[in-house]
Amino acid sequence: MSGRRERRRDVATAIFADEIGLQFGIYGEFRLWSAYQPIFAPEGGVLKAVAVEGLIEPRRIAEPVTPSIFFDGIPAADRLFVETMCRMLHLGNYRNIGVEGLTLFFNYNPLINDHLGRALAEIRLMTRRLGDFELEPGLLVCEITEQAADDHVLASLVREMRRDGIRIAIDDFGTGHSTEARINLLEPDIVKIDGGWFAELCRHAAAERFFRPLVGMLHERGAKVLVEGIEHAQHLRVALEGGVDLLQGFHLARPAPAGVIFKDEPLSVDALLDANNKIVPLHQRR
């Protein structure tokens, strides 16, 4: 117990705020900043921003570092500490988005918290602090990443979060361990289709015909379908014709650091489907 208490104190003392109130974390020589990528829902002829996914932008001496390089370099003993810090940063910076009512997606790696008691303690700590962040549990979606995990631990963790009002998403569906078996186990509220898998699907002439039954099957299971990695007009076309509920990707909007002005005007589907269209800017810096 004392070890867990010490870890929690360390996370709190590793988070700071700059002169305008933006929170950042310090881990070794790195500074960690929250960024948020919008998630859109189709509504008539437009896409409306309804959620954001919290992502980390690591910097070393003010120079950006690729997140995969940063996370791959974290020793196993520090991974729980860093994941907890990242989650707290996303919660703490949520108010700096400047748009109320957006759902916040955050990632959860089941391999890091593979001890049931420790995993439940971390989630309970988070939910107890939501009031400090001016967040309601119903605004949160926990994305279970595709790593292998103990089914008992994972199912218990999901029950705990659902009891608190947090929704559950399965990330990277179509790859690794994000399979139909995991859907049967967790009964997610949202299934995120892996962007790389979806991009390969879109290379086929009959992509829409193959994709629509998958979306229908997931809807029958009671899950909404989110396609990530929308990088081209063709990706958007296949996703929309497949009947998906939510969309995310660089063709719609890139992640933007906390504190950047969020422009929540709906995006025109017709403009995005124009083959000559480039990335649509959603944000502008203050």
C-alpha atoms as a PDB file:
ATOM      1  CA  MET A   1       0.000   0.000   0.000  1.00  0.00           C
ATOM      2  CA  SER A   2       2.758   2.459   0.846  1.00  0.00           C
ATOM      3  CA  GLY A   3       4.319   1.873  -2.590  1.00  0.00           C
ATOM      4  CA  ARG A   4       1.085   2.771  -4.333  1.00  0.00           C
ATOM      5  CA  ARG A   5       0.666   5.886  -2.220  1.00  0.00           C
ATOM      6  CA  GLU A   6       4.171   6.981  -3.075  1.00  0.00           C
ATOM      7  CA  ARG A   7       3.507   6.485  -6.779  1.00  0.00           C
ATOM      8  CA  ARG A   8       0.398   8.667  -6.588  1.00  0.00           C
ATOM      9  CA  ARG A   9       2.287  11.442  -4.824  1.00  0.00           C
ATOM     10  CA  ASP A  10       5.008  11.253  -7.450  1.00  0.00           C
ATOM     11  CA  VAL A  11       2.485  11.683 -10.263  1.00  0.00           C
ATOM     12  CA  ALA A  12       1.001  14.745  -8.596  1.00  0.00           C
ATOM     13  CA  THR A  13       4.394  16.339  -7.991  1.00  0.00           C
ATOM     14  CA  ALA A  14       5.506  15.651 -11.583  1.00  0.00           C
ATOM     15  CA  ILE A  15       2.671  17.760 -13.045  1.00  0.00           C
ATOM     16  CA  PHE A  16       3.093  21.539 -13.348  1.00  0.00           C
ATOM     17  CA  ALA A  17       1.224  24.448 -14.912  1.00  0.00           C
ATOM     18  CA  ASP A  18       2.611  27.170 -17.155  1.00  0.00           C
ATOM     19  CA  GLU A  19       1.830  30.885 -16.888  1.00  0.00           C
ATOM     20  CA  ILE A  20      -1.591  30.526 -18.542  1.00  0.00           C
ATOM     21  CA  GLY A  21      -2.628  27.423 -16.613  1.00  0.00           C
ATOM     22  CA  LEU A  22      -1.794  24.682 -19.119  1.00  0.00           C
ATOM     23  CA  GLN A  23      -0.626  21.551 -17.347  1.00  0.00           C
ATOM     24  CA  PHE A  24       2.450  19.592 -18.408  1.00  0.00           C
ATOM     25  CA  GLY A  25       4.326  16.646 -16.966  1.00  0.00           C
ATOM     26  CA  ILE A  26       8.025  16.106 -16.407  1.00  0.00           C
ATOM     27  CA  TYR A  27       9.596  12.697 -16.851  1.00  0.00           C
ATOM     28  CA  GLY A  28      13.392  12.672 -16.907  1.00  0.00           C
ATOM     29  CA  GLU A  29      14.517  15.016 -19.682  1.00  0.00           C
ATOM     30  CA  PHE A  30      11.067  15.051 -21.283  1.00  0.00           C
ATOM     31  CA  ARG A  31       8.172  17.445 -20.946  1.00  0.00           C
ATOM     32  CA  LEU A  32       4.795  15.944 -21.739  1.00  0.00           C
ATOM     33  CA  TRP A  33       1.961  18.071 -23.140  1.00  0.00           C
ATOM     34  CA  SER A  34      -1.650  17.183 -23.883  1.00  0.00           C
ATOM     35  CA  ALA A  35      -2.989  17.397 -27.412  1.00  0.00           C
ATOM     36  CA  TYR A  36      -6.541  16.642 -28.503  1.00  0.00           C
ATOM     37  CA  GLN A  37      -7.704  15.244 -31.838  1.00  0.00           C
ATOM     38  CA  PRO A  38     -11.354  15.913 -32.718  1.00  0.00           C
ATOM     39  CA  ILE A  39     -13.771  13.083 -33.409  1.00  0.00           C
ATOM     40  CA  PHE A  40     -16.716  13.838 -35.681  1.00  0.00           C
ATOM     41  CA  ALA A  41     -20.246  12.548 -36.168  1.00  0.00           C
ATOM     42  CA  PRO A  42     -22.002  12.782 -39.553  1.00  0.00           C
ATOM     43  CA  GLU A  43     -25.125  14.892 -39.378  1.00  0.00           C
ATOM     44  CA  GLY A  44     -26.878  15.589 -42.650  1.00  0.00           C
ATOM     45  CA  GLY A  45     -24.330  17.017 -45.063  1.00  0.00           C
ATOM     46  CA  VAL A  46     -21.802  18.013 -42.395  1.00  0.00           C
ATOM     47  CA  LEU A  47     -19.477  16.512 -39.817  1.00  0.00           C
ATOM     48  CA  LYS A  48     -19.880  17.843 -36.296  1.00  0.00           C
ATOM     49  CA  ALA A  49     -17.152  17.632 -33.630  1.00  0.00           C
ATOM     50  CA  VAL A  50     -18.605  15.643 -30.724  1.00  0.00           C
ATOM     51  CA  ALA A  51     -15.507  14.306 -28.957  1.00  0.00           C
ATOM     52  CA  VAL A  52     -11.729  14.500 -28.657  1.00  0.00           C
ATOM     53  CA  GLU A  53      -9.050  11.909 -28.035  1.00  0.00           C
ATOM     54  CA  GLY A  54      -6.348  12.852 -25.549  1.00  0.00           C
ATOM     55  CA  LEU A  55      -2.842  12.309 -26.949  1.00  0.00           C
ATOM     56  CA  ILE A  56       0.593  13.088 -25.553  1.00  0.00           C
ATOM     57  CA  GLU A  57       3.162  15.310 -27.272  1.00  0.00           C
ATOM     58  CA  PRO A  58       6.580  14.589 -25.743  1.00  0.00           C
ATOM     59  CA  ARG A  59       9.318  17.216 -26.061  1.00  0.00           C
ATOM     60  CA  ARG A  60      12.985  17.039 -25.191  1.00  0.00           C
ATOM     61  CA  ILE A  61      14.545  20.503 -24.642  1.00  0.00           C
ATOM     62  CA  ALA A  62      11.576  22.039 -26.496  1.00  0.00           C
ATOM     63  CA  GLU A  63      12.090  19.725 -29.504  1.00  0.00           C
ATOM     64  CA  PRO A  64       9.182  17.383 -30.381  1.00  0.00           C
ATOM     65  CA  VAL A  65       9.806  13.657 -30.021  1.00  0.00           C
ATOM     66  CA  THR A  66       7.763  10.988 -31.800  1.00  0.00           C
ATOM     67  CA  PRO A  67       5.350   9.521 -29.217  1.00  0.00           C
ATOM     68  CA  SER A  68       6.182   5.947 -30.210  1.00  0.00           C
ATOM     69  CA  ILE A  69       9.887   6.574 -29.610  1.00  0.00           C
ATOM     70  CA  PHE A  70       9.157   8.121 -26.223  1.00  0.00           C
ATOM     71  CA  PHE A  71       6.799   5.385 -25.011  1.00  0.00           C
ATOM     72  CA  ASP A  72       8.968   2.551 -26.341  1.00  0.00           C
ATOM     73  CA  GLY A  73      11.869   3.923 -24.299  1.00  0.00           C
ATOM     74  CA  ILE A  74      10.074   3.890 -20.940  1.00  0.00           C
ATOM     75  CA  PRO A  75      11.369   1.154 -18.588  1.00  0.00           C
ATOM     76  CA  ALA A  76       8.754  -1.379 -17.534  1.00  0.00           C
ATOM     77  CA  ALA A  77       8.949  -0.205 -13.911  1.00  0.00           C
ATOM     78  CA  ASP A  78       7.896   3.341 -14.930  1.00  0.00           C
ATOM     79  CA  ARG A  79       5.091   2.569 -17.370  1.00  0.00           C
ATOM     80  CA  LEU A  80       2.257   2.700 -14.844  1.00  0.00           C
ATOM     81  CA  PHE A  81       3.616   6.000 -13.504  1.00  0.00           C
ATOM     82  CA  VAL A  82       3.801   7.542 -17.004  1.00  0.00           C
ATOM     83  CA  GLU A  83       0.389   6.250 -18.103  1.00  0.00           C
ATOM     84  CA  THR A  84      -1.205   7.642 -14.943  1.00  0.00           C
ATOM     85  CA  MET A  85       0.505  10.985 -15.521  1.00  0.00           C
ATOM     86  CA  CYS A  86      -0.698  11.129 -19.133  1.00  0.00           C
ATOM     87  CA  ARG A  87      -4.274  10.370 -18.115  1.00  0.00           C
ATOM     88  CA  MET A  88      -4.206  13.055 -15.413  1.00  0.00           C
ATOM     89  CA  LEU A  89      -2.795  15.579 -17.881  1.00  0.00           C
ATOM     90  CA  HIS A  90      -5.616  14.928 -20.348  1.00  0.00           C
ATOM     91  CA  LEU A  91      -8.226  15.281 -17.604  1.00  0.00           C
ATOM     92  CA  GLY A  92      -6.610  18.396 -16.164  1.00  0.00           C
ATOM     93  CA  ASN A  93      -6.251  20.128 -19.535  1.00  0.00           C
ATOM     94  CA  TYR A  94      -9.743  19.286 -20.761  1.00  0.00           C
ATOM     95  CA  ARG A  95     -11.084  22.627 -19.560  1.00  0.00           C
ATOM     96  CA  ASN A  96      -8.535  24.363 -21.820  1.00  0.00           C
ATOM     97  CA  ILE A  97     -10.189  23.013 -24.977  1.00  0.00           C
ATOM     98  CA  GLY A  98     -12.720  25.811 -24.711  1.00  0.00           C
ATOM     99  CA  VAL A  99     -15.756  23.818 -25.886  1.00  0.00           C
ATOM    100  CA  GLU A 100     -18.110  22.299 -23.331  1.00  0.00           C
ATOM    101  CA  GLY A 101     -19.782  18.925 -23.676  1.00  0.00           C
ATOM    102  CA  LEU A 102     -17.198  17.168 -25.833  1.00  0.00           C
ATOM    103  CA  THR A 103     -16.651  13.530 -24.927  1.00  0.00           C
ATOM    104  CA  LEU A 104     -13.050  12.770 -23.902  1.00  0.00           C
ATOM    105  CA  PHE A 105     -11.454   9.524 -25.098  1.00  0.00           C
ATOM    106  CA  PHE A 106      -8.387   8.311 -23.183  1.00  0.00           C
ATOM    107  CA  ASN A 107      -6.226   5.242 -23.794  1.00  0.00           C
ATOM    108  CA  TYR A 108      -5.795   2.370 -21.364  1.00  0.00           C
ATOM    109  CA  ASN A 109      -3.130  -0.279 -21.892  1.00  0.00           C
ATOM    110  CA  PRO A 110      -4.256  -3.477 -20.118  1.00  0.00           C
ATOM    111  CA  LEU A 111      -0.704  -4.827 -19.965  1.00  0.00           C
ATOM    112  CA  ILE A 112       0.483  -1.955 -17.784  1.00  0.00           C
ATOM    113  CA  ASN A 113      -2.217  -2.426 -15.162  1.00  0.00           C
ATOM    114  CA  ASP A 114      -2.332  -6.226 -15.138  1.00  0.00           C
ATOM    115  CA  HIS A 115      -2.747  -6.531 -11.364  1.00  0.00           C
ATOM    116  CA  LEU A 116      -6.447  -6.323 -10.487  1.00  0.00           C
ATOM    117  CA  GLY A 117      -6.072  -4.521  -7.157  1.00  0.00           C
ATOM    118  CA  ARG A 118      -3.685  -1.947  -8.563  1.00  0.00           C
ATOM    119  CA  ALA A 119      -5.771  -1.436 -11.705  1.00  0.00           C
ATOM    120  CA  LEU A 120      -8.965  -0.855  -9.726  1.00  0.00           C
ATOM    121  CA  ALA A 121      -7.157   1.502  -7.333  1.00  0.00           C
ATOM    122  CA  GLU A 122      -5.938   3.644 -10.237  1.00  0.00           C
ATOM    123  CA  ILE A 123      -9.413   3.897 -11.777  1.00  0.00           C
ATOM    124  CA  ARG A 124     -11.029   4.718  -8.422  1.00  0.00           C
ATOM    125  CA  LEU A 125      -8.455   7.430  -7.831  1.00  0.00           C
ATOM    126  CA  MET A 126      -9.277   8.918 -11.228  1.00  0.00           C
ATOM    127  CA  THR A 127     -13.032   8.899 -10.725  1.00  0.00           C
ATOM    128  CA  ARG A 128     -12.705  10.474  -7.266  1.00  0.00           C
ATOM    129  CA  ARG A 129     -10.807  13.373  -8.813  1.00  0.00           C
ATOM    130  CA  LEU A 130     -13.155  14.068 -11.728  1.00  0.00           C
ATOM    131  CA  GLY A 131     -14.878  16.832  -9.791  1.00  0.00           C
ATOM    132  CA  ASP A 132     -11.545  18.643  -9.489  1.00  0.00           C
ATOM    133  CA  PHE A 133     -11.357  18.628 -13.303  1.00  0.00           C
ATOM    134  CA  GLU A 134     -14.983  19.753 -13.774  1.00  0.00           C
ATOM    135  CA  LEU A 135     -15.693  16.495 -15.596  1.00  0.00           C
ATOM    136  CA  GLU A 136     -18.628  14.105 -15.376  1.00  0.00           C
ATOM    137  CA  PRO A 137     -17.952  10.367 -15.807  1.00  0.00           C
ATOM    138  CA  GLY A 138     -20.476  10.287 -18.654  1.00  0.00           C
ATOM    139  CA  LEU A 139     -18.138  12.459 -20.731  1.00  0.00           C
ATOM    140  CA  LEU A 140     -15.352   9.861 -20.591  1.00  0.00           C
ATOM    141  CA  VAL A 141     -14.638   6.956 -22.921  1.00  0.00           C
ATOM    142  CA  CYS A 142     -11.866   4.538 -21.999  1.00  0.00           C
ATOM    143  CA  GLU A 143     -10.175   3.033 -25.057  1.00  0.00           C
ATOM    144  CA  ILE A 144      -8.894  -0.461 -24.303  1.00  0.00           C
ATOM    145  CA  THR A 145      -5.838  -0.884 -26.531  1.00  0.00           C
ATOM    146  CA  GLU A 146      -5.251  -4.062 -28.485  1.00  0.00           C
ATOM    147  CA  GLN A 147      -2.638  -5.746 -26.268  1.00  0.00           C
ATOM    148  CA  ALA A 148      -3.214  -9.162 -24.753  1.00  0.00           C
ATOM    149  CA  ALA A 149      -4.478  -9.109 -21.183  1.00  0.00           C
ATOM    150  CA  ASP A 150      -5.872 -11.330 -18.456  1.00  0.00           C
ATOM    151  CA  ASP A 151      -9.590 -11.627 -19.243  1.00  0.00           C
ATOM    152  CA  HIS A 152     -10.613 -11.611 -15.563  1.00  0.00           C
ATOM    153  CA  VAL A 153      -8.673  -8.423 -14.839  1.00  0.00           C
ATOM    154  CA  LEU A 154      -9.962  -6.703 -17.964  1.00  0.00           C
ATOM    155  CA  ALA A 155     -13.598  -7.661 -17.391  1.00  0.00           C
ATOM    156  CA  SER A 156     -13.427  -6.543 -13.738  1.00  0.00           C
ATOM    157  CA  LEU A 157     -11.885  -3.229 -14.732  1.00  0.00           C
ATOM    158  CA  VAL A 158     -14.568  -2.593 -17.350  1.00  0.00           C
ATOM    159  CA  ARG A 159     -17.326  -3.364 -14.828  1.00  0.00           C
ATOM    160  CA  GLU A 160     -15.777  -0.878 -12.403  1.00  0.00           C
ATOM    161  CA  MET A 161     -15.644   1.903 -14.974  1.00  0.00           C
ATOM    162  CA  ARG A 162     -19.168   1.215 -16.199  1.00  0.00           C
ATOM    163  CA  ARG A 163     -20.412   1.372 -12.613  1.00  0.00           C
ATOM    164  CA  ASP A 164     -18.940   4.877 -12.421  1.00  0.00           C
ATOM    165  CA  GLY A 165     -20.610   5.890 -15.716  1.00  0.00           C
ATOM    166  CA  ILE A 166     -17.521   5.709 -17.960  1.00  0.00           C
ATOM    167  CA  ARG A 167     -18.121   4.240 -21.417  1.00  0.00           C
ATOM    168  CA  ILE A 168     -15.862   1.619 -22.971  1.00  0.00           C
ATOM    169  CA  ALA A 169     -14.295   1.504 -26.432  1.00  0.00           C
ATOM    170  CA  ILE A 170     -12.225  -1.241 -28.018  1.00  0.00           C
ATOM    171  CA  ASP A 171      -9.313   0.315 -29.895  1.00  0.00           C
ATOM    172  CA  ASP A 172      -7.632  -0.910 -33.103  1.00  0.00           C
ATOM    173  CA  PHE A 173     -10.341  -3.410 -34.027  1.00  0.00           C
ATOM    174  CA  GLY A 174      -9.131  -5.663 -36.821  1.00  0.00           C
ATOM    175  CA  THR A 175      -5.613  -6.098 -35.460  1.00  0.00           C
ATOM    176  CA  GLY A 176      -3.898  -7.989 -32.664  1.00  0.00           C
ATOM    177  CA  HIS A 177      -6.194  -8.853 -29.776  1.00  0.00           C
ATOM    178  CA  SER A 178      -8.998  -6.427 -30.678  1.00  0.00           C
ATOM    179  CA  THR A 179     -11.171  -9.171 -32.113  1.00  0.00           C
ATOM    180  CA  GLU A 180     -14.726 -10.446 -31.990  1.00  0.00           C
ATOM    181  CA  ALA A 181     -13.805 -12.443 -28.871  1.00  0.00           C
ATOM    182  CA  ARG A 182     -12.910  -9.239 -27.042  1.00  0.00           C
ATOM    183  CA  ILE A 183     -16.198  -7.695 -28.143  1.00  0.00           C
ATOM    184  CA  ASN A 184     -18.013 -10.693 -26.663  1.00  0.00           C
ATOM    185  CA  LEU A 185     -16.056 -10.294 -23.414  1.00  0.00           C
ATOM    186  CA  LEU A 186     -16.325  -6.527 -22.916  1.00  0.00           C
ATOM    187  CA  GLU A 187     -19.532  -5.623 -24.787  1.00  0.00           C
ATOM    188  CA  PRO A 188     -18.100  -2.199 -25.690  1.00  0.00           C
ATOM    189  CA  ASP A 189     -20.130   0.938 -26.248  1.00  0.00           C
ATOM    190  CA  ILE A 190     -17.842   1.925 -29.136  1.00  0.00           C
ATOM    191  CA  VAL A 191     -15.595  -0.049 -31.489  1.00  0.00           C
ATOM    192  CA  LYS A 192     -12.715   1.839 -33.147  1.00  0.00           C
ATOM    193  CA  ILE A 193     -11.758   0.396 -36.519  1.00  0.00           C
ATOM    194  CA  ASP A 194      -7.971   0.354 -36.928  1.00  0.00           C
ATOM    195  CA  GLY A 195      -6.839   3.006 -39.415  1.00  0.00           C
ATOM    196  CA  GLY A 196      -4.163   0.869 -41.063  1.00  0.00           C
ATOM    197  CA  TRP A 197      -6.549  -2.054 -41.545  1.00  0.00           C
ATOM    198  CA  PHE A 198      -9.201   0.299 -42.915  1.00  0.00           C
ATOM    199  CA  ALA A 199      -6.762   1.949 -45.336  1.00  0.00           C
ATOM    200  CA  GLU A 200      -5.918  -1.477 -46.792  1.00  0.00           C
ATOM    201  CA  LEU A 201      -9.612  -2.263 -47.129  1.00  0.00           C
ATOM    202  CA  CYS A 202     -10.178   1.001 -49.007  1.00  0.00           C
ATOM    203  CA  ARG A 203      -7.686  -0.108 -51.672  1.00  0.00           C
ATOM    204  CA  HIS A 204     -10.225  -2.652 -52.918  1.00  0.00           C
ATOM    205  CA  ALA A 205     -12.815  -1.626 -55.489  1.00  0.00           C
ATOM    206  CA  ALA A 206     -15.610  -3.287 -53.497  1.00  0.00           C
ATOM    207  CA  ALA A 207     -14.562  -1.778 -50.152  1.00  0.00           C
ATOM    208  CA  GLU A 208     -18.011  -0.378 -49.384  1.00  0.00           C
ATOM    209  CA  ARG A 209     -19.661  -3.745 -50.059  1.00  0.00           C
ATOM    210  CA  PHE A 210     -17.270  -5.554 -47.714  1.00  0.00           C
ATOM    211  CA  PHE A 211     -17.322  -2.910 -44.981  1.00  0.00           C
ATOM    212  CA  ARG A 212     -21.065  -2.381 -44.604  1.00  0.00           C
ATOM    213  CA  PRO A 213     -21.792  -5.869 -43.157  1.00  0.00           C
ATOM    214  CA  LEU A 214     -19.050  -5.403 -40.544  1.00  0.00           C
ATOM    215  CA  VAL A 215     -20.593  -2.127 -39.408  1.00  0.00           C
ATOM    216  CA  GLY A 216     -24.008  -3.776 -39.340  1.00  0.00           C
ATOM    217  CA  MET A 217     -22.698  -6.645 -37.194  1.00  0.00           C
ATOM    218  CA  LEU A 218     -21.180  -4.219 -34.677  1.00  0.00           C
ATOM    219  CA  HIS A 219     -24.395  -2.201 -34.555  1.00  0.00           C
ATOM    220  CA  GLU A 220     -26.309  -5.407 -33.848  1.00  0.00           C
ATOM    221  CA  ARG A 221     -23.978  -5.944 -30.871  1.00  0.00           C
ATOM    222  CA  GLY A 222     -25.047  -2.561 -29.515  1.00  0.00           C
ATOM    223  CA  ALA A 223     -21.797  -0.730 -30.336  1.00  0.00           C
ATOM    224  CA  LYS A 224     -21.264   2.495 -32.184  1.00  0.00           C
ATOM    225  CA  VAL A 225     -18.558   2.336 -34.860  1.00  0.00           C
ATOM    226  CA  LEU A 226     -15.692   4.818 -35.065  1.00  0.00           C
ATOM    227  CA  VAL A 227     -13.229   4.741 -37.968  1.00  0.00           C
ATOM    228  CA  GLU A 228      -9.829   6.259 -37.187  1.00  0.00           C
ATOM    229  CA  GLY A 229      -7.093   7.121 -39.651  1.00  0.00           C
ATOM    230  CA  ILE A 230      -9.310   8.957 -42.157  1.00  0.00           C
ATOM    231  CA  GLU A 231      -6.518  10.423 -44.300  1.00  0.00           C
ATOM    232  CA  HIS A 232      -8.075  10.662 -47.768  1.00  0.00           C
ATOM    233  CA  ALA A 233     -11.421  11.463 -49.368  1.00  0.00           C
ATOM    234  CA  GLN A 234     -11.794   7.789 -50.343  1.00  0.00           C
ATOM    235  CA  HIS A 235     -11.459   6.740 -46.691  1.00  0.00           C
ATOM    236  CA  LEU A 236     -14.228   9.151 -45.762  1.00  0.00           C
ATOM    237  CA  ARG A 237     -16.451   7.963 -48.594  1.00  0.00           C
ATOM    238  CA  VAL A 238     -16.172   4.282 -47.646  1.00  0.00           C
ATOM    239  CA  ALA A 239     -16.762   5.053 -43.959  1.00  0.00           C
ATOM    240  CA  LEU A 240     -19.842   7.181 -44.614  1.00  0.00           C
ATOM    241  CA  GLU A 241     -21.325   4.712 -47.079  1.00  0.00           C
ATOM    242  CA  GLY A 242     -20.699   1.970 -44.535  1.00  0.00           C
ATOM    243  CA  GLY A 243     -22.909   3.779 -42.027  1.00  0.00           C
ATOM    244  CA  VAL A 244     -20.352   4.522 -39.317  1.00  0.00           C
ATOM    245  CA  ASP A 245     -21.232   6.718 -36.358  1.00  0.00           C
ATOM    246  CA  LEU A 246     -17.936   8.525 -35.690  1.00  0.00           C
ATOM    247  CA  LEU A 247     -14.864   9.573 -37.691  1.00  0.00           C
ATOM    248  CA  GLN A 248     -11.320  10.626 -36.835  1.00  0.00           C
ATOM    249  CA  GLY A 249      -8.232  11.370 -38.911  1.00  0.00           C
ATOM    250  CA  PHE A 250      -5.842  13.897 -40.427  1.00  0.00           C
ATOM    251  CA  HIS A 251      -8.155  14.515 -43.405  1.00  0.00           C
ATOM    252  CA  LEU A 252     -10.637  15.961 -40.932  1.00  0.00           C
ATOM    253  CA  ALA A 253      -8.420  17.553 -38.275  1.00  0.00           C
ATOM    254  CA  ARG A 254      -4.971  17.045 -36.767  1.00  0.00           C
ATOM    255  CA  PRO A 255      -4.341  16.889 -33.007  1.00  0.00           C
ATOM    256  CA  ALA A 256      -3.891  20.330 -31.486  1.00  0.00           C
ATOM    257  CA  PRO A 257      -2.166  21.174 -28.182  1.00  0.00           C
ATOM    258  CA  ALA A 258      -4.285  22.150 -25.204  1.00  0.00           C
ATOM    259  CA  GLY A 259      -4.839  25.892 -25.214  1.00  0.00           C
ATOM    260  CA  VAL A 260      -5.239  26.176 -28.980  1.00  0.00           C
ATOM    261  CA  ILE A 261      -8.543  27.742 -30.015  1.00  0.00           C
ATOM    262  CA  PHE A 262     -11.012  25.017 -30.955  1.00  0.00           C
ATOM    263  CA  LYS A 263     -13.139  25.911 -33.967  1.00  0.00           C
ATOM    264  CA  ASP A 264     -16.246  23.806 -33.707  1.00  0.00           C
ATOM    265  CA  GLU A 265     -17.988  24.871 -36.923  1.00  0.00           C
ATOM    266  CA  PRO A 266     -19.311  21.816 -38.800  1.00  0.00           C
ATOM    267  CA  LEU A 267     -17.248  20.559 -41.747  1.00  0.00           C
ATOM    268  CA  SER A 268     -18.829  20.182 -45.189  1.00  0.00           C
ATOM    269  CA  VAL A 269     -18.898  16.568 -46.347  1.00  0.00           C
ATOM    270  CA  ASP A 270     -18.987  17.654 -49.992  1.00  0.00           C
ATOM    271  CA  ALA A 271     -15.813  19.704 -49.546  1.00  0.00           C
ATOM    272  CA  LEU A 272     -14.051  16.844 -47.763  1.00  0.00           C
ATOM    273  CA  LEU A 273     -15.014  14.389 -50.499  1.00  0.00           C
ATOM    274  CA  ASP A 274     -13.424  16.598 -53.145  1.00  0.00           C
ATOM    275  CA  ALA A 275     -10.432  14.537 -54.328  1.00  0.00           C
ATOM    276  CA  ASN A 276      -8.289  17.671 -54.556  1.00  0.00           C
ATOM    277  CA  ASN A 277      -9.076  18.726 -50.997  1.00  0.00           C
ATOM    278  CA  LYS A 278      -6.224  18.760 -48.502  1.00  0.00           C
ATOM    279  CA  ILE A 279      -6.307  18.640 -44.706  1.00  0.00           C
ATOM    280  CA  VAL A 280      -9.064  20.852 -43.365  1.00  0.00           C
ATOM    281  CA  PRO A 281      -7.770  23.132 -40.577  1.00  0.00           C
ATOM    282  CA  LEU A 282      -9.934  22.993 -37.480  1.00  0.00           C
ATOM    283  CA  HIS A 283      -7.748  24.990 -35.125  1.00  0.00           C
ATOM    284  CA  GLN A 284      -5.766  28.186 -35.064  1.00  0.00           C
ATOM    285  CA  ARG A 285      -3.233  29.218 -32.454  1.00  0.00           C
ATOM    286  CA  ARG A 286      -3.980  32.007 -30.027  1.00  0.00           C
END
